[in-house]
PDB file of N, CA and C in Angstrom:
ATOM      1  N   MET A   1     -69.729 -32.123 -97.499  1.00  0.00           N
ATOM      2  CA  MET A   1     -70.807 -32.977 -97.065  1.00  0.00           C
ATOM      3  C   MET A   1     -71.902 -33.039 -98.121  1.00  0.00           C
ATOM      4  N   LEU A   2     -71.525 -32.741 -99.312  1.00  0.00           N
ATOM      5  CA  LEU A   2     -72.441 -32.758-100.433  1.00  0.00           C
ATOM      6  C   LEU A   2     -73.037 -34.148-100.633  1.00  0.00           C
ATOM      7  N   GLY A   3     -74.323 -34.201-100.887  1.00  0.00           N
ATOM      8  CA  GLY A   3     -74.980 -35.454-101.176  1.00  0.00           C
ATOM      9  C   GLY A   3     -75.231 -36.331 -99.967  1.00  0.00           C
ATOM     10  N   ARG A   4     -75.119 -35.793 -98.802  1.00  0.00           N
ATOM     11  CA  ARG A   4     -75.326 -36.572 -97.581  1.00  0.00           C
ATOM     12  C   ARG A   4     -76.802 -36.584 -97.200  1.00  0.00           C
ATOM     13  N   GLN A   5     -77.168 -37.602 -96.494  1.00  0.00           N
ATOM     14  CA  GLN A   5     -78.518 -37.697 -95.946  1.00  0.00           C
ATOM     15  C   GLN A   5     -78.514 -37.046 -94.569  1.00  0.00           C
ATOM     16  N   LEU A   6     -79.501 -36.240 -94.292  1.00  0.00           N
ATOM     17  CA  LEU A   6     -79.618 -35.567 -93.004  1.00  0.00           C
ATOM     18  C   LEU A   6     -80.676 -36.275 -92.165  1.00  0.00           C
ATOM     19  N   VAL A   7     -80.290 -36.660 -90.943  1.00  0.00           N
ATOM     20  CA  VAL A   7     -81.206 -37.293 -90.001  1.00  0.00           C
ATOM     21  C   VAL A   7     -81.256 -36.417 -88.754  1.00  0.00           C
ATOM     22  N   VAL A   8     -82.451 -36.004 -88.373  1.00  0.00           N
ATOM     23  CA  VAL A   8     -82.622 -35.178 -87.178  1.00  0.00           C
ATOM     24  C   VAL A   8     -83.141 -36.080 -86.066  1.00  0.00           C
ATOM     25  N   THR A   9     -82.361 -36.190 -84.995  1.00  0.00           N
ATOM     26  CA  THR A   9     -82.756 -37.047 -83.879  1.00  0.00           C
ATOM     27  C   THR A   9     -83.915 -36.423 -83.114  1.00  0.00           C
ATOM     28  N   ARG A  10     -84.588 -37.228 -82.325  1.00  0.00           N
ATOM     29  CA  ARG A  10     -85.715 -36.731 -81.529  1.00  0.00           C
ATOM     30  C   ARG A  10     -85.292 -35.620 -80.563  1.00  0.00           C
ATOM     31  N   PRO A  11     -84.164 -35.746 -79.841  1.00  0.00           N
ATOM     32  CA  PRO A  11     -83.754 -34.619 -78.985  1.00  0.00           C
ATOM     33  C   PRO A  11     -83.527 -33.332 -79.782  1.00  0.00           C
ATOM     34  N   ALA A  12     -82.982 -33.444 -80.983  1.00  0.00           N
ATOM     35  CA  ALA A  12     -82.766 -32.254 -81.817  1.00  0.00           C
ATOM     36  C   ALA A  12     -84.099 -31.669 -82.276  1.00  0.00           C
ATOM     37  N   GLN A  13     -85.074 -32.523 -82.576  1.00  0.00           N
ATOM     38  CA  GLN A  13     -86.408 -32.029 -82.946  1.00  0.00           C
ATOM     39  C   GLN A  13     -87.029 -31.239 -81.802  1.00  0.00           C
ATOM     40  N   ARG A  14     -86.884 -31.763 -80.583  1.00  0.00           N
ATOM     41  CA  ARG A  14     -87.415 -31.038 -79.413  1.00  0.00           C
ATOM     42  C   ARG A  14     -86.678 -29.717 -79.226  1.00  0.00           C
ATOM     43  N   ASP A  15     -85.348 -29.740 -79.426  1.00  0.00           N
ATOM     44  CA  ASP A  15     -84.576 -28.496 -79.323  1.00  0.00           C
ATOM     45  C   ASP A  15     -85.078 -27.470 -80.330  1.00  0.00           C
ATOM     46  N   LEU A  16     -85.299 -27.901 -81.568  1.00  0.00           N
ATOM     47  CA  LEU A  16     -85.758 -26.980 -82.618  1.00  0.00           C
ATOM     48  C   LEU A  16     -87.108 -26.371 -82.285  1.00  0.00           C
ATOM     49  N   GLU A  17     -87.976 -27.129 -81.640  1.00  0.00           N
ATOM     50  CA  GLU A  17     -89.291 -26.596 -81.255  1.00  0.00           C
ATOM     51  C   GLU A  17     -89.156 -25.453 -80.256  1.00  0.00           C
ATOM     52  N   ARG A  18     -88.080 -25.459 -79.489  1.00  0.00           N
ATOM     53  CA  ARG A  18     -87.869 -24.419 -78.464  1.00  0.00           C
ATOM     54  C   ARG A  18     -87.133 -23.193 -79.004  1.00  0.00           C
ATOM     55  N   VAL A  19     -86.561 -23.301 -80.192  1.00  0.00           N
ATOM     56  CA  VAL A  19     -85.813 -22.186 -80.783  1.00  0.00           C
ATOM     57  C   VAL A  19     -86.820 -21.168 -81.312  1.00  0.00           C
ATOM     58  N   PRO A  20     -86.605 -19.863 -81.024  1.00  0.00           N
ATOM     59  CA  PRO A  20     -87.515 -18.829 -81.560  1.00  0.00           C
ATOM     60  C   PRO A  20     -87.597 -18.913 -83.091  1.00  0.00           C
ATOM     61  N   ALA A  21     -88.737 -18.547 -83.641  1.00  0.00           N
ATOM     62  CA  ALA A  21     -89.019 -18.739 -85.069  1.00  0.00           C
ATOM     63  C   ALA A  21     -87.947 -18.147 -85.989  1.00  0.00           C
ATOM     64  N   ASP A  22     -87.504 -16.913 -85.730  1.00  0.00           N
ATOM     65  CA  ASP A  22     -86.486 -16.290 -86.590  1.00  0.00           C
ATOM     66  C   ASP A  22     -85.187 -17.087 -86.551  1.00  0.00           C
ATOM     67  N   ASP A  23     -84.793 -17.493 -85.372  1.00  0.00           N
ATOM     68  CA  ASP A  23     -83.559 -18.265 -85.225  1.00  0.00           C
ATOM     69  C   ASP A  23     -83.714 -19.666 -85.813  1.00  0.00           C
ATOM     70  N   ARG A  24     -84.895 -20.233 -85.693  1.00  0.00           N
ATOM     71  CA  ARG A  24     -85.150 -21.568 -86.258  1.00  0.00           C
ATOM     72  C   ARG A  24     -84.964 -21.530 -87.771  1.00  0.00           C
ATOM     73  N   ALA A  25     -85.452 -20.470 -88.408  1.00  0.00           N
ATOM     74  CA  ALA A  25     -85.281 -20.332 -89.857  1.00  0.00           C
ATOM     75  C   ALA A  25     -83.801 -20.269 -90.217  1.00  0.00           C
ATOM     76  N   ARG A  26     -83.011 -19.559 -89.420  1.00  0.00           N
ATOM     77  CA  ARG A  26     -81.572 -19.467 -89.661  1.00  0.00           C
ATOM     78  C   ARG A  26     -80.920 -20.848 -89.515  1.00  0.00           C
ATOM     79  N   VAL A  27     -81.287 -21.584 -88.470  1.00  0.00           N
ATOM     80  CA  VAL A  27     -80.733 -22.921 -88.243  1.00  0.00           C
ATOM     81  C   VAL A  27     -81.058 -23.833 -89.428  1.00  0.00           C
ATOM     82  N   LEU A  28     -82.295 -23.811 -89.890  1.00  0.00           N
ATOM     83  CA  LEU A  28     -82.695 -24.654 -91.008  1.00  0.00           C
ATOM     84  C   LEU A  28     -81.983 -24.254 -92.300  1.00  0.00           C
ATOM     85  N   ASP A  29     -81.770 -22.951 -92.502  1.00  0.00           N
ATOM     86  CA  ASP A  29     -81.019 -22.484 -93.673  1.00  0.00           C
ATOM     87  C   ASP A  29     -79.576 -22.990 -93.642  1.00  0.00           C
ATOM     88  N   VAL A  30     -78.962 -22.968 -92.468  1.00  0.00           N
ATOM     89  CA  VAL A  30     -77.590 -23.445 -92.326  1.00  0.00           C
ATOM     90  C   VAL A  30     -77.519 -24.947 -92.590  1.00  0.00           C
ATOM     91  N   LEU A  31     -78.493 -25.697 -92.115  1.00  0.00           N
ATOM     92  CA  LEU A  31     -78.521 -27.144 -92.388  1.00  0.00           C
ATOM     93  C   LEU A  31     -78.706 -27.419 -93.879  1.00  0.00           C
ATOM     94  N   ASP A  32     -79.563 -26.631 -94.537  1.00  0.00           N
ATOM     95  CA  ASP A  32     -79.727 -26.773 -95.990  1.00  0.00           C
ATOM     96  C   ASP A  32     -78.415 -26.501 -96.714  1.00  0.00           C
ATOM     97  N   ALA A  33     -77.704 -25.464 -96.273  1.00  0.00           N
ATOM     98  CA  ALA A  33     -76.419 -25.122 -96.888  1.00  0.00           C
ATOM     99  C   ALA A  33     -75.401 -26.238 -96.685  1.00  0.00           C
ATOM    100  N   LEU A  34     -75.425 -26.870 -95.525  1.00  0.00           N
ATOM    101  CA  LEU A  34     -74.510 -27.976 -95.242  1.00  0.00           C
ATOM    102  C   LEU A  34     -74.749 -29.137 -96.211  1.00  0.00           C
ATOM    103  N   ILE A  35     -75.981 -29.533 -96.367  1.00  0.00           N
ATOM    104  CA  ILE A  35     -76.312 -30.652 -97.245  1.00  0.00           C
ATOM    105  C   ILE A  35     -76.033 -30.302 -98.702  1.00  0.00           C
ATOM    106  N   ALA A  36     -76.260 -29.041 -99.073  1.00  0.00           N
ATOM    107  CA  ALA A  36     -76.010 -28.612-100.445  1.00  0.00           C
ATOM    108  C   ALA A  36     -74.515 -28.448-100.741  1.00  0.00           C
ATOM    109  N   GLY A  37     -73.701 -28.437 -99.693  1.00  0.00           N
ATOM    110  CA  GLY A  37     -72.258 -28.299 -99.884  1.00  0.00           C
ATOM    111  C   GLY A  37     -71.799 -26.879-100.143  1.00  0.00           C
ATOM    112  N   ARG A  38     -72.609 -25.905 -99.738  1.00  0.00           N
ATOM    113  CA  ARG A  38     -72.216 -24.511 -99.930  1.00  0.00           C
ATOM    114  C   ARG A  38     -71.049 -24.152 -99.020  1.00  0.00           C
ATOM    115  N   PRO A  39     -70.086 -23.404 -99.548  1.00  0.00           N
ATOM    116  CA  PRO A  39     -68.921 -23.019 -98.733  1.00  0.00           C
ATOM    117  C   PRO A  39     -69.266 -21.897 -97.753  1.00  0.00           C
ATOM    118  N   GLY A  40     -68.353 -21.651 -96.830  1.00  0.00           N
ATOM    119  CA  GLY A  40     -68.484 -20.527 -95.921  1.00  0.00           C
ATOM    120  C   GLY A  40     -69.196 -20.830 -94.619  1.00  0.00           C
ATOM    121  N   LEU A  41     -69.466 -22.087 -94.338  1.00  0.00           N
ATOM    122  CA  LEU A  41     -70.120 -22.439 -93.076  1.00  0.00           C
ATOM    123  C   LEU A  41     -69.081 -22.510 -91.962  1.00  0.00           C
ATOM    124  N   ASP A  42     -69.507 -22.173 -90.756  1.00  0.00           N
ATOM    125  CA  ASP A  42     -68.624 -22.272 -89.591  1.00  0.00           C
ATOM    126  C   ASP A  42     -68.799 -23.673 -88.993  1.00  0.00           C
ATOM    127  N   LEU A  43     -68.108 -24.628 -89.592  1.00  0.00           N
ATOM    128  CA  LEU A  43     -68.191 -26.028 -89.211  1.00  0.00           C
ATOM    129  C   LEU A  43     -66.844 -26.447 -88.648  1.00  0.00           C
ATOM    130  N   ARG A  44     -66.853 -26.993 -87.445  1.00  0.00           N
ATOM    131  CA  ARG A  44     -65.606 -27.412 -86.800  1.00  0.00           C
ATOM    132  C   ARG A  44     -65.766 -28.772 -86.152  1.00  0.00           C
ATOM    133  N   LYS A  45     -64.696 -29.541 -86.237  1.00  0.00           N
ATOM    134  CA  LYS A  45     -64.654 -30.837 -85.582  1.00  0.00           C
ATOM    135  C   LYS A  45     -64.471 -30.611 -84.087  1.00  0.00           C
ATOM    136  N   LEU A  46     -65.180 -31.367 -83.266  1.00  0.00           N
ATOM    137  CA  LEU A  46     -65.036 -31.250 -81.820  1.00  0.00           C
ATOM    138  C   LEU A  46     -63.782 -32.005 -81.378  1.00  0.00           C
ATOM    139  N   ALA A  47     -62.982 -31.357 -80.585  1.00  0.00           N
ATOM    140  CA  ALA A  47     -61.719 -31.933 -80.119  1.00  0.00           C
ATOM    141  C   ALA A  47     -61.961 -33.199 -79.312  1.00  0.00           C
ATOM    142  N   GLY A  48     -61.171 -34.213 -79.596  1.00  0.00           N
ATOM    143  CA  GLY A  48     -61.249 -35.447 -78.832  1.00  0.00           C
ATOM    144  C   GLY A  48     -62.415 -36.347 -79.188  1.00  0.00           C
ATOM    145  N   ARG A  49     -63.120 -36.018 -80.256  1.00  0.00           N
ATOM    146  CA  ARG A  49     -64.272 -36.836 -80.660  1.00  0.00           C
ATOM    147  C   ARG A  49     -64.097 -37.211 -82.120  1.00  0.00           C
ATOM    148  N   ARG A  50     -64.320 -38.453 -82.417  1.00  0.00           N
ATOM    149  CA  ARG A  50     -63.988 -38.973 -83.737  1.00  0.00           C
ATOM    150  C   ARG A  50     -64.881 -38.455 -84.864  1.00  0.00           C
ATOM    151  N   HIS A  51     -66.181 -38.529 -84.714  1.00  0.00           N
ATOM    152  CA  HIS A  51     -67.089 -38.151 -85.801  1.00  0.00           C
ATOM    153  C   HIS A  51     -68.063 -37.050 -85.394  1.00  0.00           C
ATOM    154  N   GLU A  52     -67.700 -36.251 -84.385  1.00  0.00           N
ATOM    155  CA  GLU A  52     -68.616 -35.216 -83.909  1.00  0.00           C
ATOM    156  C   GLU A  52     -68.132 -33.831 -84.333  1.00  0.00           C
ATOM    157  N   TRP A  53     -69.087 -33.045 -84.789  1.00  0.00           N
ATOM    158  CA  TRP A  53     -68.817 -31.705 -85.310  1.00  0.00           C
ATOM    159  C   TRP A  53     -69.793 -30.718 -84.695  1.00  0.00           C
ATOM    160  N   ARG A  54     -69.448 -29.448 -84.816  1.00  0.00           N
ATOM    161  CA  ARG A  54     -70.327 -28.366 -84.388  1.00  0.00           C
ATOM    162  C   ARG A  54     -70.474 -27.396 -85.549  1.00  0.00           C
ATOM    163  N   LEU A  55     -71.692 -27.002 -85.795  1.00  0.00           N
ATOM    164  CA  LEU A  55     -72.013 -26.050 -86.850  1.00  0.00           C
ATOM    165  C   LEU A  55     -72.663 -24.842 -86.201  1.00  0.00           C
ATOM    166  N   ARG A  56     -72.144 -23.654 -86.508  1.00  0.00           N
ATOM    167  CA  ARG A  56     -72.647 -22.434 -85.881  1.00  0.00           C
ATOM    168  C   ARG A  56     -73.698 -21.782 -86.764  1.00  0.00           C
ATOM    169  N   ALA A  57     -74.806 -21.370 -86.128  1.00  0.00           N
ATOM    170  CA  ALA A  57     -75.874 -20.623 -86.794  1.00  0.00           C
ATOM    171  C   ALA A  57     -76.251 -19.474 -85.875  1.00  0.00           C
ATOM    172  N   GLY A  58     -75.525 -18.363 -85.985  1.00  0.00           N
ATOM    173  CA  GLY A  58     -75.744 -17.236 -85.077  1.00  0.00           C
ATOM    174  C   GLY A  58     -75.368 -17.631 -83.667  1.00  0.00           C
ATOM    175  N   ASP A  59     -76.281 -17.451 -82.713  1.00  0.00           N
ATOM    176  CA  ASP A  59     -76.033 -17.817 -81.317  1.00  0.00           C
ATOM    177  C   ASP A  59     -76.334 -19.287 -81.033  1.00  0.00           C
ATOM    178  N   TRP A  60     -76.714 -20.024 -82.050  1.00  0.00           N
ATOM    179  CA  TRP A  60     -77.106 -21.428 -81.885  1.00  0.00           C
ATOM    180  C   TRP A  60     -76.014 -22.345 -82.392  1.00  0.00           C
ATOM    181  N   ARG A  61     -75.863 -23.479 -81.722  1.00  0.00           N
ATOM    182  CA  ARG A  61     -74.871 -24.480 -82.108  1.00  0.00           C
ATOM    183  C   ARG A  61     -75.610 -25.759 -82.465  1.00  0.00           C
ATOM    184  N   ILE A  62     -75.290 -26.281 -83.623  1.00  0.00           N
ATOM    185  CA  ILE A  62     -75.879 -27.524 -84.102  1.00  0.00           C
ATOM    186  C   ILE A  62     -74.808 -28.590 -83.922  1.00  0.00           C
ATOM    187  N   LEU A  63     -75.072 -29.556 -83.072  1.00  0.00           N
ATOM    188  CA  LEU A  63     -74.114 -30.621 -82.810  1.00  0.00           C
ATOM    189  C   LEU A  63     -74.431 -31.795 -83.725  1.00  0.00           C
ATOM    190  N   LEU A  64     -73.440 -32.181 -84.504  1.00  0.00           N
ATOM    191  CA  LEU A  64     -73.616 -33.183 -85.547  1.00  0.00           C
ATOM    192  C   LEU A  64     -72.758 -34.405 -85.291  1.00  0.00           C
ATOM    193  N   GLU A  65     -73.211 -35.515 -85.806  1.00  0.00           N
ATOM    194  CA  GLU A  65     -72.421 -36.741 -85.816  1.00  0.00           C
ATOM    195  C   GLU A  65     -72.421 -37.233 -87.258  1.00  0.00           C
ATOM    196  N   CYS A  66     -71.241 -37.442 -87.805  1.00  0.00           N
ATOM    197  CA  CYS A  66     -71.118 -37.850 -89.200  1.00  0.00           C
ATOM    198  C   CYS A  66     -70.683 -39.295 -89.287  1.00  0.00           C
ATOM    199  N   ASP A  67     -71.340 -40.036 -90.158  1.00  0.00           N
ATOM    200  CA  ASP A  67     -70.969 -41.416 -90.451  1.00  0.00           C
ATOM    201  C   ASP A  67     -70.514 -41.435 -91.903  1.00  0.00           C
ATOM    202  N   PRO A  68     -69.194 -41.252 -92.128  1.00  0.00           N
ATOM    203  CA  PRO A  68     -68.709 -41.120 -93.500  1.00  0.00           C
ATOM    204  C   PRO A  68     -68.984 -42.348 -94.363  1.00  0.00           C
ATOM    205  N   GLY A  69     -68.949 -43.528 -93.777  1.00  0.00           N
ATOM    206  CA  GLY A  69     -69.194 -44.741 -94.546  1.00  0.00           C
ATOM    207  C   GLY A  69     -70.605 -44.822 -95.095  1.00  0.00           C
ATOM    208  N   ALA A  70     -71.573 -44.413 -94.297  1.00  0.00           N
ATOM    209  CA  ALA A  70     -72.978 -44.485 -94.693  1.00  0.00           C
ATOM    210  C   ALA A  70     -73.462 -43.220 -95.384  1.00  0.00           C
ATOM    211  N   GLY A  71     -72.671 -42.133 -95.339  1.00  0.00           N
ATOM    212  CA  GLY A  71     -73.092 -40.877 -95.939  1.00  0.00           C
ATOM    213  C   GLY A  71     -74.219 -40.204 -95.190  1.00  0.00           C
ATOM    214  N   VAL A  72     -74.240 -40.378 -93.872  1.00  0.00           N
ATOM    215  CA  VAL A  72     -75.321 -39.836 -93.043  1.00  0.00           C
ATOM    216  C   VAL A  72     -74.759 -38.780 -92.093  1.00  0.00           C
ATOM    217  N   VAL A  73     -75.471 -37.664 -92.000  1.00  0.00           N
ATOM    218  CA  VAL A  73     -75.167 -36.629 -91.011  1.00  0.00           C
ATOM    219  C   VAL A  73     -76.357 -36.593 -90.057  1.00  0.00           C
ATOM    220  N   ARG A  74     -76.083 -36.851 -88.775  1.00  0.00           N
ATOM    221  CA  ARG A  74     -77.146 -36.829 -87.752  1.00  0.00           C
ATOM    222  C   ARG A  74     -77.063 -35.532 -86.969  1.00  0.00           C
ATOM    223  N   VAL A  75     -78.181 -34.852 -86.864  1.00  0.00           N
ATOM    224  CA  VAL A  75     -78.270 -33.668 -86.009  1.00  0.00           C
ATOM    225  C   VAL A  75     -78.618 -34.193 -84.625  1.00  0.00           C
ATOM    226  N   MET A  76     -77.666 -34.086 -83.711  1.00  0.00           N
ATOM    227  CA  MET A  76     -77.853 -34.632 -82.372  1.00  0.00           C
ATOM    228  C   MET A  76     -78.574 -33.654 -81.451  1.00  0.00           C
ATOM    229  N   ARG A  77     -78.167 -32.386 -81.488  1.00  0.00           N
ATOM    230  CA  ARG A  77     -78.765 -31.356 -80.626  1.00  0.00           C
ATOM    231  C   ARG A  77     -78.693 -30.021 -81.341  1.00  0.00           C
ATOM    232  N   VAL A  78     -79.567 -29.099 -80.960  1.00  0.00           N
ATOM    233  CA  VAL A  78     -79.540 -27.699 -81.384  1.00  0.00           C
ATOM    234  C   VAL A  78     -79.669 -26.894 -80.101  1.00  0.00           C
ATOM    235  N   LEU A  79     -78.565 -26.257 -79.684  1.00  0.00           N
ATOM    236  CA  LEU A  79     -78.529 -25.585 -78.385  1.00  0.00           C
ATOM    237  C   LEU A  79     -77.991 -24.166 -78.518  1.00  0.00           C
ATOM    238  N   HIS A  80     -78.433 -23.308 -77.601  1.00  0.00           N
ATOM    239  CA  HIS A  80     -77.873 -21.962 -77.534  1.00  0.00           C
ATOM    240  C   HIS A  80     -76.410 -22.081 -77.127  1.00  0.00           C
ATOM    241  N   ARG A  81     -75.608 -21.153 -77.565  1.00  0.00           N
ATOM    242  CA  ARG A  81     -74.160 -21.247 -77.317  1.00  0.00           C
ATOM    243  C   ARG A  81     -73.817 -21.317 -75.834  1.00  0.00           C
ATOM    244  N   ARG A  82     -74.637 -20.745 -74.970  1.00  0.00           N
ATOM    245  CA  ARG A  82     -74.339 -20.765 -73.544  1.00  0.00           C
ATOM    246  C   ARG A  82     -74.500 -22.169 -72.948  1.00  0.00           C
ATOM    247  N   ASP A  83     -75.282 -23.028 -73.632  1.00  0.00           N
ATOM    248  CA  ASP A  83     -75.561 -24.370 -73.133  1.00  0.00           C
ATOM    249  C   ASP A  83     -74.868 -25.485 -73.920  1.00  0.00           C
ATOM    250  N   ALA A  84     -74.336 -25.176 -75.060  1.00  0.00           N
ATOM    251  CA  ALA A  84     -73.882 -26.207 -76.004  1.00  0.00           C
ATOM    252  C   ALA A  84     -72.697 -27.027 -75.522  1.00  0.00           C
ATOM    253  N   TYR A  85     -71.840 -26.451 -74.719  1.00  0.00           N
ATOM    254  CA  TYR A  85     -70.592 -27.145 -74.387  1.00  0.00           C
ATOM    255  C   TYR A  85     -70.532 -27.601 -72.952  1.00  0.00           C
ATOM    256  N   ARG A  86     -71.636 -27.632 -72.256  1.00  0.00           N
ATOM    257  CA  ARG A  86     -71.667 -28.059 -70.854  1.00  0.00           C
ATOM    258  C   ARG A  86     -71.677 -29.551 -70.741  1.00  0.00           C
TER     259      ARG A  86
END
């Protein structure tokens, strides 16, 4: 995902405001690593969904939508693992 533009949706911004400060820093570091193309991220495609992915940052799940044609990665939600898949 090197060279992609990152767009954080309004629901994801609200989610980030609710994440504790230490965990928020971890989430932001993982997003930086994604855009920089660093290896070793726990990134998985969501089953049954065409352009939706999940990125793990500790106990937090970052739900992404990728538009390969436009080179855009949208952060849709940032949720605790207990809530992410409901």
